[in-house]
C-alpha atoms as a PDB file:
ATOM      1  CA  UNK A   1      89.779  51.450  84.672  1.00  0.00           C
ATOM      2  CA  UNK A   2      87.076  50.485  82.612  1.00  0.00           C
ATOM      3  CA  UNK A   3      87.083  46.980  83.508  1.00  0.00           C
ATOM      4  CA  UNK A   4      87.123  48.104  87.573  1.00  0.00           C
ATOM      5  CA  UNK A   5      84.003  50.363  86.893  1.00  0.00           C
ATOM      6  CA  UNK A   6      82.316  47.122  84.873  1.00  0.00           C
ATOM      7  CA  UNK A   7      83.542  44.614  87.835  1.00  0.00           C
ATOM      8  CA  UNK A   8      81.797  47.154  90.500  1.00  0.00           C
ATOM      9  CA  UNK A   9      78.514  47.419  88.112  1.00  0.00           C
ATOM     10  CA  UNK A  10      78.426  43.681  87.596  1.00  0.00           C
ATOM     11  CA  UNK A  11      78.657  43.030  91.143  1.00  0.00           C
ATOM     12  CA  UNK A  12      76.119  45.652  92.195  1.00  0.00           C
ATOM     13  CA  UNK A  13      73.496  43.742  90.040  1.00  0.00           C
ATOM     14  CA  UNK A  14      74.424  40.592  91.708  1.00  0.00           C
ATOM     15  CA  UNK A  15      73.822  42.064  94.614  1.00  0.00           C
ATOM     16  CA  UNK A  16      70.100  43.185  93.852  1.00  0.00           C
ATOM     17  CA  UNK A  17      69.456  39.756  92.323  1.00  0.00           C
ATOM     18  CA  UNK A  18      70.604  37.803  95.829  1.00  0.00           C
ATOM     19  CA  UNK A  19      68.652  40.417  97.629  1.00  0.00           C
ATOM     20  CA  UNK A  20      65.737  39.829  95.830  1.00  0.00           C
ATOM     21  CA  UNK A  21      66.014  36.001  95.711  1.00  0.00           C
ATOM     22  CA  UNK A  22      66.843  36.167  99.730  1.00  0.00           C
ATOM     23  CA  UNK A  23      63.282  38.367 100.038  1.00  0.00           C
ATOM     24  CA  UNK A  24      61.910  35.781  98.158  1.00  0.00           C
ATOM     25  CA  UNK A  25      62.809  32.877 100.011  1.00  0.00           C
ATOM     26  CA  UNK A  26      62.320  34.788 103.570  1.00  0.00           C
ATOM     27  CA  UNK A  27      58.778  35.978 102.343  1.00  0.00           C
ATOM     28  CA  UNK A  28      57.962  32.024 101.500  1.00  0.00           C
ATOM     29  CA  UNK A  29      59.343  30.761 105.053  1.00  0.00           C
ATOM     30  CA  UNK A  30      57.672  33.693 106.835  1.00  0.00           C
ATOM     31  CA  UNK A  31      54.397  32.812 104.767  1.00  0.00           C
ATOM     32  CA  UNK A  32      54.934  29.197 105.804  1.00  0.00           C
ATOM     33  CA  UNK A  33      56.040  30.070 109.028  1.00  0.00           C
ATOM     34  CA  UNK A  34      52.831  31.933 109.663  1.00  0.00           C
ATOM     35  CA  UNK A  35      50.418  29.110 107.791  1.00  0.00           C
ATOM     36  CA  UNK A  36      52.248  26.809 110.495  1.00  0.00           C
ATOM     37  CA  UNK A  37      51.119  28.854 113.400  1.00  0.00           C
ATOM     38  CA  UNK A  38      47.784  29.786 112.510  1.00  0.00           C
ATOM     39  CA  UNK A  39      47.610  25.876 111.680  1.00  0.00           C
ATOM     40  CA  UNK A  40      48.589  25.009 115.161  1.00  0.00           C
ATOM     41  CA  UNK A  41      46.648  27.465 117.022  1.00  0.00           C
ATOM     42  CA  UNK A  42      43.514  26.185 115.183  1.00  0.00           C
ATOM     43  CA  UNK A  43      44.630  23.004 116.260  1.00  0.00           C
ATOM     44  CA  UNK A  44      45.016  23.660 119.778  1.00  0.00           C
ATOM     45  CA  UNK A  45      41.650  25.531 119.819  1.00  0.00           C
ATOM     46  CA  UNK A  46      40.058  22.564 118.633  1.00  0.00           C
ATOM     47  CA  UNK A  47      41.650  20.308 120.920  1.00  0.00           C
ATOM     48  CA  UNK A  48      40.587  22.495 124.063  1.00  0.00           C
ATOM     49  CA  UNK A  49      37.027  22.744 123.200  1.00  0.00           C
ATOM     50  CA  UNK A  50      36.618  19.187 122.403  1.00  0.00           C
ATOM     51  CA  UNK A  51      37.954  18.569 125.467  1.00  0.00           C
ATOM     52  CA  UNK A  52      35.750  20.670 127.297  1.00  0.00           C
ATOM     53  CA  UNK A  53      33.026  19.066 125.516  1.00  0.00           C
ATOM     54  CA  UNK A  54      33.843  15.762 126.561  1.00  0.00           C
ATOM     55  CA  UNK A  55      34.679  16.949 130.147  1.00  0.00           C
ATOM     56  CA  UNK A  56      31.267  18.127 130.974  1.00  0.00           C
ATOM     57  CA  UNK A  57      29.718  15.260 129.338  1.00  0.00           C
ATOM     58  CA  UNK A  58      31.324  12.883 131.504  1.00  0.00           C
ATOM     59  CA  UNK A  59      30.501  15.247 134.791  1.00  0.00           C
ATOM     60  CA  UNK A  60      26.754  15.187 134.272  1.00  0.00           C
ATOM     61  CA  UNK A  61      26.783  11.179 132.780  1.00  0.00           C
ATOM     62  CA  UNK A  62      28.606  10.477 136.336  1.00  0.00           C
ATOM     63  CA  UNK A  63      26.090  12.116 138.458  1.00  0.00           C
ATOM     64  CA  UNK A  64      22.977  10.891 136.659  1.00  0.00           C
ATOM     65  CA  UNK A  65      24.065   7.161 136.966  1.00  0.00           C
ATOM     66  CA  UNK A  66      23.608   7.685 140.452  1.00  0.00           C
ATOM     67  CA  UNK A  67      21.053  10.287 140.669  1.00  0.00           C
ATOM     68  CA  UNK A  68      18.593   9.328 143.965  1.00  0.00           C
ATOM     69  CA  UNK A  69      21.431   7.915 146.052  1.00  0.00           C
ATOM     70  CA  UNK A  70      20.546   8.814 149.495  1.00  0.00           C
ATOM     71  CA  UNK A  71      16.920   9.034 148.858  1.00  0.00           C
ATOM     72  CA  UNK A  72      14.989   6.238 150.358  1.00  0.00           C
ATOM     73  CA  UNK A  73      12.694   6.205 147.893  1.00  0.00           C
ATOM     74  CA  UNK A  74      12.429   2.398 147.541  1.00  0.00           C
ATOM     75  CA  UNK A  75      11.183   1.765 150.618  1.00  0.00           C
ATOM     76  CA  UNK A  76       7.658   0.496 150.959  1.00  0.00           C
ATOM     77  CA  UNK A  77       6.057   3.580 153.230  1.00  0.00           C
ATOM     78  CA  UNK A  78       8.254   6.454 151.407  1.00  0.00           C
ATOM     79  CA  UNK A  79       7.422   4.969 147.448  1.00  0.00           C
ATOM     80  CA  UNK A  80       7.716   7.942 144.783  1.00  0.00           C
ATOM     81  CA  UNK A  81       4.486   9.948 145.015  1.00  0.00           C
ATOM     82  CA  UNK A  82       3.742   8.415 148.179  1.00  0.00           C
ATOM     83  CA  UNK A  83       0.662   9.866 148.811  1.00  0.00           C
ATOM     84  CA  UNK A  84       0.704   9.602 152.716  1.00  0.00           C
ATOM     85  CA  UNK A  85       3.443  12.317 152.921  1.00  0.00           C
ATOM     86  CA  UNK A  86       2.324  15.940 153.108  1.00  0.00           C
ATOM     87  CA  UNK A  87       4.595  16.812 149.854  1.00  0.00           C
ATOM     88  CA  UNK A  88       5.042  13.869 148.013  1.00  0.00           C
ATOM     89  CA  UNK A  89       7.764  15.435 145.805  1.00  0.00           C
ATOM     90  CA  UNK A  90      10.422  14.872 148.498  1.00  0.00           C
ATOM     91  CA  UNK A  91      10.639  11.446 147.128  1.00  0.00           C
ATOM     92  CA  UNK A  92      11.330  11.859 143.563  1.00  0.00           C
ATOM     93  CA  UNK A  93      15.167  10.810 142.735  1.00  0.00           C
ATOM     94  CA  UNK A  94      14.289  12.854 139.668  1.00  0.00           C
ATOM     95  CA  UNK A  95      12.815  16.498 140.357  1.00  0.00           C
ATOM     96  CA  UNK A  96      10.014  16.247 137.815  1.00  0.00           C
ATOM     97  CA  UNK A  97       8.675  19.467 138.028  1.00  0.00           C
ATOM     98  CA  UNK A  98      12.306  21.377 137.114  1.00  0.00           C
ATOM     99  CA  UNK A  99      13.167  19.157 134.130  1.00  0.00           C
ATOM    100  CA  UNK A 100      13.123  20.561 131.115  1.00  0.00           C
ATOM    101  CA  UNK A 101      14.767  20.200 127.561  1.00  0.00           C
ATOM    102  CA  UNK A 102      17.176  22.231 128.878  1.00  0.00           C
ATOM    103  CA  UNK A 103      17.624  21.672 132.450  1.00  0.00           C
ATOM    104  CA  UNK A 104      17.991  18.258 134.628  1.00  0.00           C
ATOM    105  CA  UNK A 105      17.359  18.421 138.477  1.00  0.00           C
ATOM    106  CA  UNK A 106      17.682  15.662 140.682  1.00  0.00           C
ATOM    107  CA  UNK A 107      18.676  14.481 144.384  1.00  0.00           C
ATOM    108  CA  UNK A 108      21.826  13.146 145.048  1.00  0.00           C
ATOM    109  CA  UNK A 109      24.340  12.431 147.756  1.00  0.00           C
ATOM    110  CA  UNK A 110      27.208  13.847 146.215  1.00  0.00           C
ATOM    111  CA  UNK A 111      29.875  13.634 148.894  1.00  0.00           C
ATOM    112  CA  UNK A 112      28.880   9.639 149.435  1.00  0.00           C
ATOM    113  CA  UNK A 113      29.318  10.629 153.328  1.00  0.00           C
ATOM    114  CA  UNK A 114      26.755   8.252 155.314  1.00  0.00           C
ATOM    115  CA  UNK A 115      26.341   8.875 159.168  1.00  0.00           C
ATOM    116  CA  UNK A 116      24.303   6.534 161.206  1.00  0.00           C
ATOM    117  CA  UNK A 117      21.942   7.028 164.135  1.00  0.00           C
ATOM    118  CA  UNK A 118      23.489   6.546 167.682  1.00  0.00           C
ATOM    119  CA  UNK A 119      20.094   6.131 169.401  1.00  0.00           C
ATOM    120  CA  UNK A 120      16.413   5.489 168.261  1.00  0.00           C
ATOM    121  CA  UNK A 121      15.029   8.648 166.721  1.00  0.00           C
ATOM    122  CA  UNK A 122      10.993   9.281 167.106  1.00  0.00           C
ATOM    123  CA  UNK A 123      10.182  12.284 165.011  1.00  0.00           C
ATOM    124  CA  UNK A 124       6.628  12.644 166.487  1.00  0.00           C
ATOM    125  CA  UNK A 125       8.893  13.442 169.939  1.00  0.00           C
ATOM    126  CA  UNK A 126      11.602  15.373 169.032  1.00  0.00           C
ATOM    127  CA  UNK A 127      13.664  17.109 166.403  1.00  0.00           C
ATOM    128  CA  UNK A 128      17.279  16.117 167.892  1.00  0.00           C
ATOM    129  CA  UNK A 129      19.114  13.576 165.973  1.00  0.00           C
ATOM    130  CA  UNK A 130      22.184  11.805 167.422  1.00  0.00           C
ATOM    131  CA  UNK A 131      24.826  10.789 164.716  1.00  0.00           C
ATOM    132  CA  UNK A 132      28.192   8.869 164.766  1.00  0.00           C
ATOM    133  CA  UNK A 133      29.542  11.749 162.560  1.00  0.00           C
ATOM    134  CA  UNK A 134      28.538  15.269 161.673  1.00  0.00           C
ATOM    135  CA  UNK A 135      31.587  16.176 159.091  1.00  0.00           C
ATOM    136  CA  UNK A 136      30.009  18.271 156.305  1.00  0.00           C
ATOM    137  CA  UNK A 137      26.722  19.056 157.677  1.00  0.00           C
ATOM    138  CA  UNK A 138      25.832  22.469 158.411  1.00  0.00           C
ATOM    139  CA  UNK A 139      22.474  24.349 159.116  1.00  0.00           C
ATOM    140  CA  UNK A 140      19.886  24.183 156.295  1.00  0.00           C
ATOM    141  CA  UNK A 141      21.439  21.333 154.600  1.00  0.00           C
ATOM    142  CA  UNK A 142      18.909  18.860 153.032  1.00  0.00           C
ATOM    143  CA  UNK A 143      18.829  15.508 154.683  1.00  0.00           C
ATOM    144  CA  UNK A 144      16.882  11.875 154.295  1.00  0.00           C
ATOM    145  CA  UNK A 145      17.000   9.082 156.809  1.00  0.00           C
ATOM    146  CA  UNK A 146      16.071   5.835 156.057  1.00  0.00           C
ATOM    147  CA  UNK A 147      15.627   2.793 158.324  1.00  0.00           C
ATOM    148  CA  UNK A 148      16.249   0.054 155.726  1.00  0.00           C
ATOM    149  CA  UNK A 149      19.353  -1.093 156.880  1.00  0.00           C
ATOM    150  CA  UNK A 150      17.637  -2.054 160.320  1.00  0.00           C
ATOM    151  CA  UNK A 151      14.473  -3.504 158.767  1.00  0.00           C
ATOM    152  CA  UNK A 152      12.228  -0.803 158.016  1.00  0.00           C
ATOM    153  CA  UNK A 153      10.302   0.465 155.337  1.00  0.00           C
ATOM    154  CA  UNK A 154      10.216   4.145 156.301  1.00  0.00           C
ATOM    155  CA  UNK A 155      12.163   7.499 155.269  1.00  0.00           C
ATOM    156  CA  UNK A 156      12.220  11.137 156.138  1.00  0.00           C
ATOM    157  CA  UNK A 157      13.223  14.129 154.442  1.00  0.00           C
ATOM    158  CA  UNK A 158      13.978  17.151 156.065  1.00  0.00           C
ATOM    159  CA  UNK A 159      16.699  19.758 156.527  1.00  0.00           C
ATOM    160  CA  UNK A 160      18.887  21.092 159.280  1.00  0.00           C
ATOM    161  CA  UNK A 161      18.266  23.870 161.731  1.00  0.00           C
ATOM    162  CA  UNK A 162      21.543  23.564 163.802  1.00  0.00           C
ATOM    163  CA  UNK A 163      24.289  21.145 164.307  1.00  0.00           C
ATOM    164  CA  UNK A 164      25.893  20.434 167.704  1.00  0.00           C
ATOM    165  CA  UNK A 165      29.614  19.351 166.766  1.00  0.00           C
ATOM    166  CA  UNK A 166      30.404  18.388 170.236  1.00  0.00           C
ATOM    167  CA  UNK A 167      27.756  16.168 171.034  1.00  0.00           C
ATOM    168  CA  UNK A 168      27.328  15.370 167.358  1.00  0.00           C
ATOM    169  CA  UNK A 169      23.709  16.132 167.579  1.00  0.00           C
ATOM    170  CA  UNK A 170      21.578  17.523 164.762  1.00  0.00           C
ATOM    171  CA  UNK A 171      18.785  19.632 164.971  1.00  0.00           C
ATOM    172  CA  UNK A 172      15.960  19.038 162.209  1.00  0.00           C
ATOM    173  CA  UNK A 173      13.705  22.357 161.011  1.00  0.00           C
ATOM    174  CA  UNK A 174      10.034  21.708 162.007  1.00  0.00           C
ATOM    175  CA  UNK A 175       8.211  20.956 158.769  1.00  0.00           C
ATOM    176  CA  UNK A 176       9.870  17.587 157.890  1.00  0.00           C
ATOM    177  CA  UNK A 177       7.888  14.823 155.904  1.00  0.00           C
ATOM    178  CA  UNK A 178       8.235  11.375 157.533  1.00  0.00           C
ATOM    179  CA  UNK A 179       6.226   8.298 156.808  1.00  0.00           C
ATOM    180  CA  UNK A 180       3.216   8.120 159.418  1.00  0.00           C
ATOM    181  CA  UNK A 181       4.484   6.737 162.492  1.00  0.00           C
ATOM    182  CA  UNK A 182       7.947   6.181 161.529  1.00  0.00           C
ATOM    183  CA  UNK A 183      10.704   5.446 164.319  1.00  0.00           C
ATOM    184  CA  UNK A 184      13.937   5.250 163.104  1.00  0.00           C
ATOM    185  CA  UNK A 185      16.145   2.721 165.474  1.00  0.00           C
ATOM    186  CA  UNK A 186      19.792   3.048 165.955  1.00  0.00           C
ATOM    187  CA  UNK A 187      21.745   2.104 163.204  1.00  0.00           C
ATOM    188  CA  UNK A 188      19.775   4.054 160.649  1.00  0.00           C
ATOM    189  CA  UNK A 189      21.297   5.728 157.668  1.00  0.00           C
ATOM    190  CA  UNK A 190      21.593   9.857 157.781  1.00  0.00           C
ATOM    191  CA  UNK A 191      22.553  11.273 154.479  1.00  0.00           C
ATOM    192  CA  UNK A 192      22.760  15.116 153.139  1.00  0.00           C
ATOM    193  CA  UNK A 193      20.837  14.756 149.906  1.00  0.00           C
ATOM    194  CA  UNK A 194      21.003  18.353 147.806  1.00  0.00           C
ATOM    195  CA  UNK A 195      19.291  18.819 144.739  1.00  0.00           C
ATOM    196  CA  UNK A 196      21.682  18.886 141.877  1.00  0.00           C
ATOM    197  CA  UNK A 197      20.891  20.813 138.757  1.00  0.00           C
ATOM    198  CA  UNK A 198      22.584  21.198 135.133  1.00  0.00           C
ATOM    199  CA  UNK A 199      21.230  23.706 132.870  1.00  0.00           C
ATOM    200  CA  UNK A 200      21.742  26.126 129.793  1.00  0.00           C
ATOM    201  CA  UNK A 201      22.125  29.653 131.295  1.00  0.00           C
ATOM    202  CA  UNK A 202      20.440  32.902 130.144  1.00  0.00           C
ATOM    203  CA  UNK A 203      23.978  34.069 129.586  1.00  0.00           C
ATOM    204  CA  UNK A 204      24.720  31.108 127.192  1.00  0.00           C
ATOM    205  CA  UNK A 205      26.795  29.019 129.584  1.00  0.00           C
ATOM    206  CA  UNK A 206      26.299  25.403 130.956  1.00  0.00           C
ATOM    207  CA  UNK A 207      26.110  25.951 135.063  1.00  0.00           C
ATOM    208  CA  UNK A 208      25.809  23.119 137.553  1.00  0.00           C
ATOM    209  CA  UNK A 209      24.345  24.034 141.326  1.00  0.00           C
ATOM    210  CA  UNK A 210      23.924  21.668 144.301  1.00  0.00           C
ATOM    211  CA  UNK A 211      22.569  24.291 146.474  1.00  0.00           C
ATOM    212  CA  UNK A 212      25.324  26.882 146.373  1.00  0.00           C
ATOM    213  CA  UNK A 213      25.181  28.970 143.515  1.00  0.00           C
ATOM    214  CA  UNK A 214      25.662  28.173 139.718  1.00  0.00           C
ATOM    215  CA  UNK A 215      28.948  26.951 138.696  1.00  0.00           C
ATOM    216  CA  UNK A 216      30.258  27.678 134.990  1.00  0.00           C
ATOM    217  CA  UNK A 217      31.264  24.234 133.609  1.00  0.00           C
ATOM    218  CA  UNK A 218      31.610  25.772 130.621  1.00  0.00           C
ATOM    219  CA  UNK A 219      31.182  28.992 128.552  1.00  0.00           C
ATOM    220  CA  UNK A 220      29.650  29.431 124.827  1.00  0.00           C
ATOM    221  CA  UNK A 221      27.889  26.039 125.520  1.00  0.00           C
ATOM    222  CA  UNK A 222      24.316  24.465 125.806  1.00  0.00           C
ATOM    223  CA  UNK A 223      23.214  21.619 127.319  1.00  0.00           C
ATOM    224  CA  UNK A 224      20.001  19.725 126.105  1.00  0.00           C
ATOM    225  CA  UNK A 225      18.395  16.639 127.494  1.00  0.00           C
ATOM    226  CA  UNK A 226      16.307  13.930 126.348  1.00  0.00           C
ATOM    227  CA  UNK A 227      14.008  11.563 128.323  1.00  0.00           C
ATOM    228  CA  UNK A 228      14.131   8.387 127.147  1.00  0.00           C
ATOM    229  CA  UNK A 229      11.397   5.681 127.843  1.00  0.00           C
ATOM    230  CA  UNK A 230      11.963   2.135 128.184  1.00  0.00           C
ATOM    231  CA  UNK A 231      10.928   1.348 124.581  1.00  0.00           C
ATOM    232  CA  UNK A 232      13.734   3.996 122.923  1.00  0.00           C
ATOM    233  CA  UNK A 233      10.857   6.801 122.364  1.00  0.00           C
ATOM    234  CA  UNK A 234      11.229  10.230 123.818  1.00  0.00           C
ATOM    235  CA  UNK A 235       8.866  11.323 126.612  1.00  0.00           C
ATOM    236  CA  UNK A 236       6.794  14.424 126.165  1.00  0.00           C
ATOM    237  CA  UNK A 237       7.544  17.053 128.480  1.00  0.00           C
ATOM    238  CA  UNK A 238       6.593  17.947 130.981  1.00  0.00           C
ATOM    239  CA  UNK A 239       7.666  15.007 132.743  1.00  0.00           C
ATOM    240  CA  UNK A 240       4.962  13.638 134.874  1.00  0.00           C
ATOM    241  CA  UNK A 241       5.313  11.140 138.283  1.00  0.00           C
ATOM    242  CA  UNK A 242       3.445   8.099 136.214  1.00  0.00           C
ATOM    243  CA  UNK A 243       6.189   8.446 133.280  1.00  0.00           C
ATOM    244  CA  UNK A 244       8.836   9.009 135.701  1.00  0.00           C
ATOM    245  CA  UNK A 245       7.907   5.535 137.437  1.00  0.00           C
ATOM    246  CA  UNK A 246       6.497   3.574 134.738  1.00  0.00           C
ATOM    247  CA  UNK A 247       8.459   4.865 131.484  1.00  0.00           C
ATOM    248  CA  UNK A 248      11.612   6.601 132.119  1.00  0.00           C
ATOM    249  CA  UNK A 249      14.843   4.392 131.856  1.00  0.00           C
ATOM    250  CA  UNK A 250      17.666   6.818 130.300  1.00  0.00           C
ATOM    251  CA  UNK A 251      18.307  10.319 129.394  1.00  0.00           C
ATOM    252  CA  UNK A 252      20.291  11.502 126.421  1.00  0.00           C
ATOM    253  CA  UNK A 253      22.608  14.341 127.023  1.00  0.00           C
ATOM    254  CA  UNK A 254      23.637  16.508 123.929  1.00  0.00           C
ATOM    255  CA  UNK A 255      26.404  19.127 124.923  1.00  0.00           C
ATOM    256  CA  UNK A 256      27.630  21.779 122.410  1.00  0.00           C
ATOM    257  CA  UNK A 257      30.608  24.022 123.095  1.00  0.00           C
ATOM    258  CA  UNK A 258      31.886  26.891 120.897  1.00  0.00           C
ATOM    259  CA  UNK A 259      35.298  28.274 121.425  1.00  0.00           C
ATOM    260  CA  UNK A 260      36.175  31.322 122.869  1.00  0.00           C
ATOM    261  CA  UNK A 261      38.513  32.190 120.304  1.00  0.00           C
ATOM    262  CA  UNK A 262      38.224  32.467 116.137  1.00  0.00           C
ATOM    263  CA  UNK A 263      39.737  30.151 114.161  1.00  0.00           C
ATOM    264  CA  UNK A 264      42.159  31.544 111.231  1.00  0.00           C
ATOM    265  CA  UNK A 265      39.142  31.674 108.977  1.00  0.00           C
ATOM    266  CA  UNK A 266      37.236  33.832 111.475  1.00  0.00           C
ATOM    267  CA  UNK A 267      34.416  31.413 112.745  1.00  0.00           C
ATOM    268  CA  UNK A 268      34.108  29.805 116.092  1.00  0.00           C
ATOM    269  CA  UNK A 269      34.978  26.029 116.428  1.00  0.00           C
ATOM    270  CA  UNK A 270      32.235  23.920 117.490  1.00  0.00           C
ATOM    271  CA  UNK A 271      31.861  20.733 119.103  1.00  0.00           C
ATOM    272  CA  UNK A 272      28.786  18.700 119.917  1.00  0.00           C
ATOM    273  CA  UNK A 273      28.761  15.320 122.329  1.00  0.00           C
ATOM    274  CA  UNK A 274      25.963  13.286 122.582  1.00  0.00           C
ATOM    275  CA  UNK A 275      25.893  10.210 124.987  1.00  0.00           C
ATOM    276  CA  UNK A 276      22.740   8.198 126.645  1.00  0.00           C
ATOM    277  CA  UNK A 277      22.971   7.473 130.130  1.00  0.00           C
ATOM    278  CA  UNK A 278      20.741   4.622 131.935  1.00  0.00           C
ATOM    279  CA  UNK A 279      19.295   5.864 135.124  1.00  0.00           C
ATOM    280  CA  UNK A 280      20.643   2.759 137.221  1.00  0.00           C
ATOM    281  CA  UNK A 281      18.638   3.428 140.643  1.00  0.00           C
ATOM    282  CA  UNK A 282      15.451   3.467 138.286  1.00  0.00           C
ATOM    283  CA  UNK A 283      16.495   0.508 136.235  1.00  0.00           C
ATOM    284  CA  UNK A 284      17.026  -1.642 139.277  1.00  0.00           C
ATOM    285  CA  UNK A 285      13.898  -0.940 141.322  1.00  0.00           C
ATOM    286  CA  UNK A 286      11.607  -0.837 138.601  1.00  0.00           C
END
């Protein structure tokens, strides 16, 4: 009987030792698993922030590379700052007055849609423009007309009052601004060209606006713009028409995005992407 009691006691000790070993092993595995989960989560956060910063940067750069597309500012009678116009600023591909270190604003036919005049248009005689198509055109849209493709030197800026979809006729609001004496022959180009802007909002987000209200591109983020001269130096703000015409050749875009979630260390992950983009239209013209 004594031997049996000793065997039972020995077995209980073994069980306790085994449980202690199992608990230690399990604790180690749990710690390793928790660490692996935290590492994977942190890596996921870093990748997401990096991807978002890159995506926003590429979106801005893509637009900047084609800024001014649709604005007839290279026409002899519609040059940047043309003093024969009522409002010379309508010729600016980059909207000088709105450009700061935290905002860039420019004119751009972002859809790429181009319509042609079906008949001659004399803005001094009528506000109705007959077009080959009216898809995507709506009241209050800003538009430009250029007669460059038919050998002219003129341009016109205006806004749409009404669109007649049946007859494909657009009526312009009064107050358009055109080259003096301009007549736009059949075949002239008609394009919708809104002002597109990117900026850091007061709420601390990067937003894009093309006339329909700001759209958030990235939360917990900011964008900065440096306006670079042909010799690589930074232009002093505020920008001027003279600087736009004579000096501006590129814009340095710096996007900083911070993670919505905290890393396991308790801090936000931050990514900064910087890229210099040449202004193709300005570089080609000047």
